[in-house]
Amino acid sequence: MGERDEVPDRADEVPTVSADDAPADMADKMPAQVTGQLPDRVRADLAGQVAGVPPEQVAAVARRHGVRSGQVLEAAGGVANRGFVLGEQLFLRVARPGFEADLGKETTVIPVARFAGVLTPAIVEYDESRTLIDAPYVVMERVHGTEPTEVPIALAEQLARLHQVQEADLPGLPQDGGGDPWRTVSDLAARGYLDPGTANWLTGWFIRLADRFDRNEPLVLIHGDVAAHNLLATPTGELTALIDWGDTALAPRAMDFAKLPLDDVATILPHYIRCVGSATREEELAAAILWLHVEWALGKLTAAPWPGQRHWTAPPASRLLGLLKFFASGPPPPWTDLT
């Protein structure tokens, strides 16, 4: 959804450009587990078995919104959707097979998030009739920006606004209460990935962390995939949008910090605490966030490598190495008290 060069007005092709609407890390979309398997729908997509969107269908949607076919550019990549720039003002996202429900969920959540004050593009049209395109699609406002090189501090305020939305405001939205880390540890030990001493130490660490936060706190609306590839920013680093709401759910708010490197979490968390008020203690939320980082790191241990992905958690060992790097670098309080 960043700035693009215009191309000649041809209806028989859709040029491809690098994506601002970047692919999500599908290994993190799955519940924390030790199977190491990718969903069949993702494997098919990676193998190129999912048919593309015919250019004439994209052109028909563009004309419907007063955009010439020469102003249409495809954003390369995208696991759940194919994305197309429609001129300067609009962006088209077409659901890939198996992800239709995610796109429909976005159309329910985005208006609520915008009402809460979250920076995210407005929906212009949602169509699941398959009249113009043989798949559900959504046309959204185009927000100009690129993936930031550093996570903007303003993200803290955006998440604080989003987390004001609770279950009563979005009945029927999927819920995610987190996994069972003790079972994950037990499974890894039984399969020979952990020695008994390490398994016992991890079990004790999860017990200590569980004593530091309320595991039954109310569920809130989370974005579900807060990572750099789903942020848009100006060249000076000012946050312009939080995009791609396909993983949104009702869940503990700590889960919205679980896909950011802990270095970034430690930077923005004090600002988040100031935004939500004194009722929230930083050490409690930090413990809940660390719980998820460790649990998901263990769940990724047996995953198959997935080369070519730019998200930091794509390699199976990245989360564990990220934890090692974070704690070896001497993190600030309260993190030093959570080990």
Protein backbone atom coordinates (compact mmCIF):
# COMPACT_ATOMS: atom_id res chain seq x y z
CA MET A 1 0.00 0.00 0.00
CA GLY A 2 2.99 2.27 -0.39
CA GLU A 3 3.77 4.61 -3.27
CA ARG A 4 3.90 2.94 -6.70
CA ASP A 5 4.87 3.97 -10.22
CA GLU A 6 2.06 3.97 -12.74
CA VAL A 7 2.18 1.54 -15.64
CA PRO A 8 0.62 1.60 -19.12
CA ASP A 9 -3.16 1.18 -19.29
CA ARG A 10 -3.48 -2.49 -20.20
CA ALA A 11 -6.34 -4.70 -19.07
CA ASP A 12 -4.72 -8.01 -20.02
CA GLU A 13 -2.15 -8.10 -17.24
CA VAL A 14 -1.64 -7.02 -13.67
CA PRO A 15 1.97 -6.00 -12.95
CA THR A 16 3.53 -7.34 -9.78
CA VAL A 17 5.38 -5.17 -7.28
CA SER A 18 6.89 -5.83 -3.87
CA ALA A 19 4.30 -6.09 -1.12
CA ASP A 20 3.40 -3.62 1.56
CA ASP A 21 0.52 -5.96 2.39
CA ALA A 22 3.10 -8.57 3.32
CA PRO A 23 2.49 -12.26 4.10
CA ALA A 24 1.88 -13.18 7.69
CA ASP A 25 4.10 -15.73 9.39
CA MET A 26 1.79 -18.71 9.06
CA ALA A 27 3.79 -20.77 11.55
CA ASP A 28 2.70 -18.26 14.20
CA LYS A 29 -0.92 -18.35 13.03
CA MET A 30 -1.16 -21.92 14.33
CA PRO A 31 -1.79 -22.70 17.99
CA ALA A 32 1.37 -23.39 19.97
CA GLN A 33 2.08 -27.07 19.41
CA VAL A 34 4.89 -29.49 18.71
CA THR A 35 3.69 -31.08 15.48
CA GLY A 36 5.82 -28.88 13.22
CA GLN A 37 3.24 -29.21 10.43
CA LEU A 38 1.92 -26.52 8.11
CA PRO A 39 -1.79 -26.44 7.23
CA ASP A 40 -2.57 -28.11 3.89
CA ARG A 41 -3.99 -24.83 2.56
CA VAL A 42 -0.61 -23.16 3.16
CA ARG A 43 1.39 -26.01 1.66
CA ALA A 44 -0.75 -25.85 -1.48
CA ASP A 45 -0.25 -22.11 -1.75
CA LEU A 46 3.51 -22.38 -1.35
CA ALA A 47 3.60 -25.04 -4.05
CA GLY A 48 1.85 -22.68 -6.45
CA GLN A 49 -1.29 -24.80 -6.65
CA VAL A 50 -3.69 -21.99 -5.82
CA ALA A 51 -4.94 -20.35 -8.99
CA GLY A 52 -4.42 -16.63 -9.42
CA VAL A 53 -7.11 -14.00 -9.81
CA PRO A 54 -7.82 -13.40 -13.52
CA PRO A 55 -6.69 -9.87 -14.48
CA GLU A 56 -10.03 -9.11 -16.11
CA GLN A 57 -11.79 -9.73 -12.79
CA VAL A 58 -9.46 -7.36 -10.97
CA ALA A 59 -9.96 -4.81 -13.74
CA ALA A 60 -13.74 -5.11 -13.31
CA VAL A 61 -13.49 -4.22 -9.63
CA ALA A 62 -11.16 -1.35 -10.47
CA ARG A 63 -13.63 0.06 -13.02
CA ARG A 64 -16.41 -0.24 -10.46
CA HIS A 65 -14.46 2.23 -8.33
CA GLY A 66 -13.42 4.52 -11.16
CA VAL A 67 -9.86 3.22 -11.43
CA ARG A 68 -8.24 2.56 -14.81
CA SER A 69 -6.67 -0.87 -15.30
CA GLY A 70 -3.31 0.83 -15.87
CA GLN A 71 -3.45 2.04 -12.27
CA VAL A 72 -3.72 -1.51 -10.93
CA LEU A 73 -0.62 -3.15 -9.45
CA GLU A 74 -0.41 -6.48 -7.65
CA ALA A 75 1.37 -6.56 -4.29
CA ALA A 76 3.55 -9.66 -4.36
CA GLY A 77 3.12 -12.24 -1.61
CA GLY A 78 0.34 -12.57 0.89
CA VAL A 79 -0.59 -15.96 2.34
CA ALA A 80 -4.22 -15.27 3.23
CA ASN A 81 -5.02 -12.74 0.50
CA ARG A 82 -3.81 -11.44 -2.82
CA GLY A 83 -3.43 -7.68 -2.75
CA PHE A 84 -3.78 -5.12 -5.52
CA VAL A 85 -3.11 -1.39 -5.49
CA LEU A 86 -6.02 0.43 -7.15
CA GLY A 87 -4.66 3.85 -7.98
CA GLU A 88 -3.70 6.32 -5.29
CA GLN A 89 -6.69 5.91 -2.99
CA LEU A 90 -7.74 2.25 -2.85
CA PHE A 91 -6.39 -1.22 -2.13
CA LEU A 92 -8.04 -4.52 -3.10
CA ARG A 93 -7.60 -7.72 -1.10
CA VAL A 94 -8.92 -11.01 -2.49
CA ALA A 95 -9.24 -14.02 -0.18
CA ARG A 96 -7.23 -17.08 -1.13
CA PRO A 97 -9.00 -20.47 -0.88
CA GLY A 98 -9.35 -21.49 2.76
CA PHE A 99 -9.09 -17.94 4.11
CA GLU A 100 -12.51 -16.61 3.17
CA ALA A 101 -13.72 -16.57 6.78
CA ASP A 102 -10.70 -14.52 7.87
CA LEU A 103 -11.52 -11.80 5.36
CA GLY A 104 -15.16 -11.76 6.46
CA LYS A 105 -14.05 -11.47 10.08
CA GLU A 106 -11.96 -8.43 9.20
CA THR A 107 -15.01 -6.60 7.89
CA THR A 108 -16.67 -7.06 11.28
CA VAL A 109 -13.68 -6.08 13.37
CA ILE A 110 -12.21 -3.14 11.43
CA PRO A 111 -15.17 -0.76 12.00
CA VAL A 112 -15.03 -1.51 15.73
CA ALA A 113 -11.27 -0.94 15.84
CA ARG A 114 -11.61 2.35 13.96
CA PHE A 115 -14.36 3.47 16.35
CA ALA A 116 -11.93 2.80 19.20
CA GLY A 117 -9.47 5.16 17.52
CA VAL A 118 -7.11 2.62 15.97
CA LEU A 119 -5.25 3.71 12.83
CA THR A 120 -6.36 1.23 10.19
CA PRO A 121 -7.74 1.69 6.67
CA ALA A 122 -11.50 2.01 6.31
CA ILE A 123 -13.51 -0.53 4.33
CA VAL A 124 -15.00 0.86 1.13
CA GLU A 125 -16.67 -2.32 -0.15
CA TYR A 126 -16.96 -5.94 0.89
CA ASP A 127 -18.34 -8.41 -1.65
CA GLU A 128 -18.73 -12.15 -1.14
CA SER A 129 -21.24 -12.64 -3.99
CA ARG A 130 -18.50 -13.85 -6.41
CA THR A 131 -20.11 -11.78 -9.14
CA LEU A 132 -17.05 -9.80 -10.24
CA ILE A 133 -14.33 -11.97 -8.67
CA ASP A 134 -14.72 -15.66 -7.93
CA ALA A 135 -13.77 -15.13 -4.28
CA PRO A 136 -14.73 -12.78 -1.45
CA TYR A 137 -12.90 -9.47 -1.69
CA VAL A 138 -12.64 -6.20 0.15
CA VAL A 139 -11.76 -2.77 -1.20
CA MET A 140 -10.15 -0.55 1.42
CA GLU A 141 -8.72 2.90 1.69
CA ARG A 142 -5.09 2.95 0.67
CA VAL A 143 -2.80 4.23 3.39
CA HIS A 144 0.61 5.28 2.11
CA GLY A 145 3.60 4.03 4.03
CA THR A 146 6.20 1.31 4.26
CA GLU A 147 7.25 -1.28 6.81
CA PRO A 148 9.11 0.55 9.61
CA THR A 149 12.69 -0.37 10.41
CA GLU A 150 11.95 0.17 14.11
CA VAL A 151 8.66 -0.43 15.89
CA PRO A 152 7.07 3.02 16.46
CA ILE A 153 6.43 4.00 20.07
CA ALA A 154 2.95 5.11 18.93
CA LEU A 155 2.05 1.43 18.55
CA ALA A 156 1.67 1.33 22.35
CA GLU A 157 -1.21 3.82 22.25
CA GLN A 158 -2.83 2.00 19.34
CA LEU A 159 -2.84 -1.29 21.23
CA ALA A 160 -4.16 0.41 24.37
CA ARG A 161 -7.08 1.76 22.34
CA LEU A 162 -7.74 -1.61 20.74
CA HIS A 163 -7.68 -3.47 24.05
CA GLN A 164 -10.50 -1.31 25.38
CA VAL A 165 -12.84 -3.43 23.24
CA GLN A 166 -14.08 -6.43 25.19
CA GLU A 167 -16.09 -9.56 24.51
CA ALA A 168 -19.51 -7.90 24.87
CA ASP A 169 -18.68 -5.54 21.99
CA LEU A 170 -17.99 -8.37 19.51
CA PRO A 171 -20.06 -11.44 20.38
CA GLY A 172 -19.23 -14.46 18.29
CA LEU A 173 -15.62 -13.52 17.59
CA PRO A 174 -13.20 -16.47 17.97
CA GLN A 175 -11.53 -16.77 21.36
CA ASP A 176 -7.96 -17.75 22.09
CA GLY A 177 -7.07 -18.31 25.71
CA GLY A 178 -3.55 -19.60 25.06
CA GLY A 179 -2.16 -23.11 25.25
CA ASP A 180 -0.90 -25.51 27.91
CA PRO A 181 2.87 -25.03 28.29
CA TRP A 182 3.23 -27.89 30.75
CA ARG A 183 1.82 -30.30 28.20
CA THR A 184 4.14 -28.85 25.56
CA VAL A 185 7.15 -29.43 27.83
CA SER A 186 6.00 -32.95 28.64
CA ASP A 187 5.51 -33.80 24.96
CA LEU A 188 8.92 -32.43 24.00
CA ALA A 189 10.60 -34.40 26.78
CA ALA A 190 8.79 -37.60 25.81
CA ARG A 191 9.89 -37.19 22.19
CA GLY A 192 13.50 -36.58 23.13
CA TYR A 193 13.72 -32.87 22.36
CA LEU A 194 14.35 -31.99 26.02
CA ASP A 195 16.36 -33.77 28.68
CA PRO A 196 14.54 -34.42 31.99
CA GLY A 197 16.48 -31.76 33.89
CA THR A 198 15.66 -29.04 31.37
CA ALA A 199 12.03 -30.15 31.28
CA ASN A 200 11.80 -29.87 35.06
CA TRP A 201 13.41 -26.42 34.99
CA LEU A 202 10.96 -25.21 32.30
CA THR A 203 8.02 -26.62 34.25
CA GLY A 204 9.13 -24.68 37.30
CA TRP A 205 9.63 -21.50 35.26
CA PHE A 206 6.07 -21.66 33.96
CA ILE A 207 4.81 -22.20 37.52
CA ARG A 208 6.71 -19.12 38.72
CA LEU A 209 5.46 -17.01 35.84
CA ALA A 210 1.88 -18.20 36.41
CA ASP A 211 2.08 -16.80 39.94
CA ARG A 212 2.95 -13.35 38.56
CA PHE A 213 -0.19 -12.60 36.52
CA ASP A 214 -3.91 -13.31 36.37
CA ARG A 215 -4.52 -16.10 33.87
CA ASN A 216 -8.27 -15.44 34.04
CA GLU A 217 -8.26 -11.76 33.14
CA PRO A 218 -11.06 -10.62 30.78
CA LEU A 219 -10.49 -11.28 27.11
CA VAL A 220 -10.07 -8.23 24.89
CA LEU A 221 -9.95 -7.59 21.18
CA ILE A 222 -6.45 -8.25 19.87
CA HIS A 223 -5.06 -7.73 16.39
CA GLY A 224 -3.37 -11.12 16.58
CA ASP A 225 -0.46 -10.45 14.24
CA VAL A 226 1.26 -7.32 15.53
CA ALA A 227 4.59 -7.38 13.72
CA ALA A 228 6.59 -5.00 11.58
CA HIS A 229 5.18 -6.39 8.32
CA ASN A 230 1.69 -5.37 9.43
CA LEU A 231 2.66 -1.80 10.26
CA LEU A 232 2.87 1.14 7.86
CA ALA A 233 4.95 4.19 8.67
CA THR A 234 6.22 7.38 7.08
CA PRO A 235 9.89 7.72 6.07
CA THR A 236 10.51 9.38 9.44
CA GLY A 237 9.01 6.42 11.31
CA GLU A 238 5.61 7.89 12.17
CA LEU A 239 2.97 5.16 12.41
CA THR A 240 0.24 5.51 9.77
CA ALA A 241 -1.64 2.21 10.00
CA LEU A 242 -1.99 -1.22 11.54
CA ILE A 243 -3.12 -3.58 8.76
CA ASP A 244 -4.20 -7.20 8.12
CA TRP A 245 -6.79 -8.21 10.72
CA GLY A 246 -7.24 -11.84 9.65
CA ASP A 247 -5.86 -13.20 12.95
CA THR A 248 -7.93 -10.97 15.20
CA ALA A 249 -9.58 -12.64 18.18
CA LEU A 250 -10.74 -12.19 21.74
CA ALA A 251 -7.72 -13.12 23.83
CA PRO A 252 -5.49 -12.01 26.70
CA ARG A 253 -3.93 -8.67 25.75
CA ALA A 254 -0.46 -10.10 26.30
CA MET A 255 -0.94 -12.08 23.10
CA ASP A 256 -0.68 -8.89 21.05
CA PHE A 257 2.94 -8.56 22.21
CA ALA A 258 3.90 -12.14 21.40
CA LYS A 259 4.96 -11.62 17.77
CA LEU A 260 7.25 -8.70 18.49
CA PRO A 261 10.87 -9.33 19.50
CA LEU A 262 11.25 -8.87 23.25
CA ASP A 263 13.62 -5.95 22.66
CA ASP A 264 10.72 -4.11 20.99
CA VAL A 265 8.27 -5.22 23.67
CA ALA A 266 10.52 -3.87 26.42
CA THR A 267 10.69 -0.54 24.58
CA ILE A 268 6.98 0.04 24.05
CA LEU A 269 5.55 -1.67 27.16
CA PRO A 270 6.12 1.28 29.56
CA HIS A 271 4.30 3.55 27.11
CA TYR A 272 1.44 1.04 26.88
CA ILE A 273 1.16 0.95 30.68
CA ARG A 274 0.93 4.75 30.82
CA CYS A 275 -1.84 4.68 28.21
CA VAL A 276 -3.97 2.07 29.99
CA GLY A 277 -3.54 3.59 33.46
CA SER A 278 -2.25 2.65 36.87
CA ALA A 279 -4.62 -0.32 37.23
CA THR A 280 -2.18 -2.35 35.15
CA ARG A 281 1.23 -3.22 36.60
CA GLU A 282 4.07 -3.55 34.11
CA GLU A 283 5.61 -6.57 35.84
CA GLU A 284 2.34 -8.52 35.63
CA LEU A 285 1.89 -7.88 31.93
CA ALA A 286 5.57 -8.57 31.26
CA ALA A 287 5.22 -11.96 32.97
CA ALA A 288 2.20 -12.82 30.82
CA ILE A 289 4.05 -11.77 27.67
CA LEU A 290 7.15 -13.76 28.59
CA TRP A 291 4.96 -16.80 29.31
CA LEU A 292 3.73 -16.69 25.70
CA HIS A 293 7.16 -16.09 24.20
CA VAL A 294 8.61 -19.11 25.98
CA GLU A 295 5.59 -21.30 25.24
CA TRP A 296 5.57 -20.42 21.54
CA ALA A 297 9.35 -20.82 21.31
CA LEU A 298 9.03 -24.37 22.62
CA GLY A 299 6.10 -25.06 20.30
CA LYS A 300 8.25 -24.04 17.32
CA LEU A 301 11.15 -26.38 18.14
CA THR A 302 9.93 -29.23 15.95
CA ALA A 303 8.68 -27.09 13.05
CA ALA A 304 10.12 -27.71 9.61
CA PRO A 305 12.32 -24.92 8.23
CA TRP A 306 10.50 -22.47 5.96
CA PRO A 307 13.15 -20.62 3.93
CA GLY A 308 12.49 -17.28 2.30
CA GLN A 309 10.22 -15.85 4.97
CA ARG A 310 11.19 -12.46 6.34
CA HIS A 311 9.37 -12.63 9.65
CA TRP A 312 11.81 -13.07 12.52
CA THR A 313 10.00 -16.11 13.96
CA ALA A 314 10.02 -18.13 10.73
CA PRO A 315 13.16 -20.24 11.49
CA PRO A 316 12.35 -22.88 14.12
CA ALA A 317 15.04 -21.75 16.58
CA SER A 318 14.54 -17.98 16.22
CA ARG A 319 12.26 -17.54 19.21
CA LEU A 320 14.54 -19.43 21.58
CA LEU A 321 17.58 -17.56 20.29
CA GLY A 322 15.64 -14.32 20.63
CA LEU A 323 15.00 -15.11 24.28
CA LEU A 324 18.68 -15.88 24.80
CA LYS A 325 19.75 -12.66 23.07
CA PHE A 326 17.26 -10.58 25.07
CA PHE A 327 18.26 -11.85 28.50
CA ALA A 328 21.97 -11.94 27.66
CA SER A 329 21.83 -8.25 26.74
CA GLY A 330 20.85 -7.18 30.26
CA PRO A 331 17.19 -6.14 29.84
CA PRO A 332 15.67 -3.45 32.05
CA PRO A 333 13.35 -4.14 35.01
CA PRO A 334 10.95 -5.84 35.40
CA TRP A 335 12.33 -8.39 32.93
CA THR A 336 15.39 -9.19 35.00
CA ASP A 337 13.12 -10.40 37.82
CA LEU A 338 11.16 -12.86 35.67
CA THR A 339 13.72 -15.58 35.10
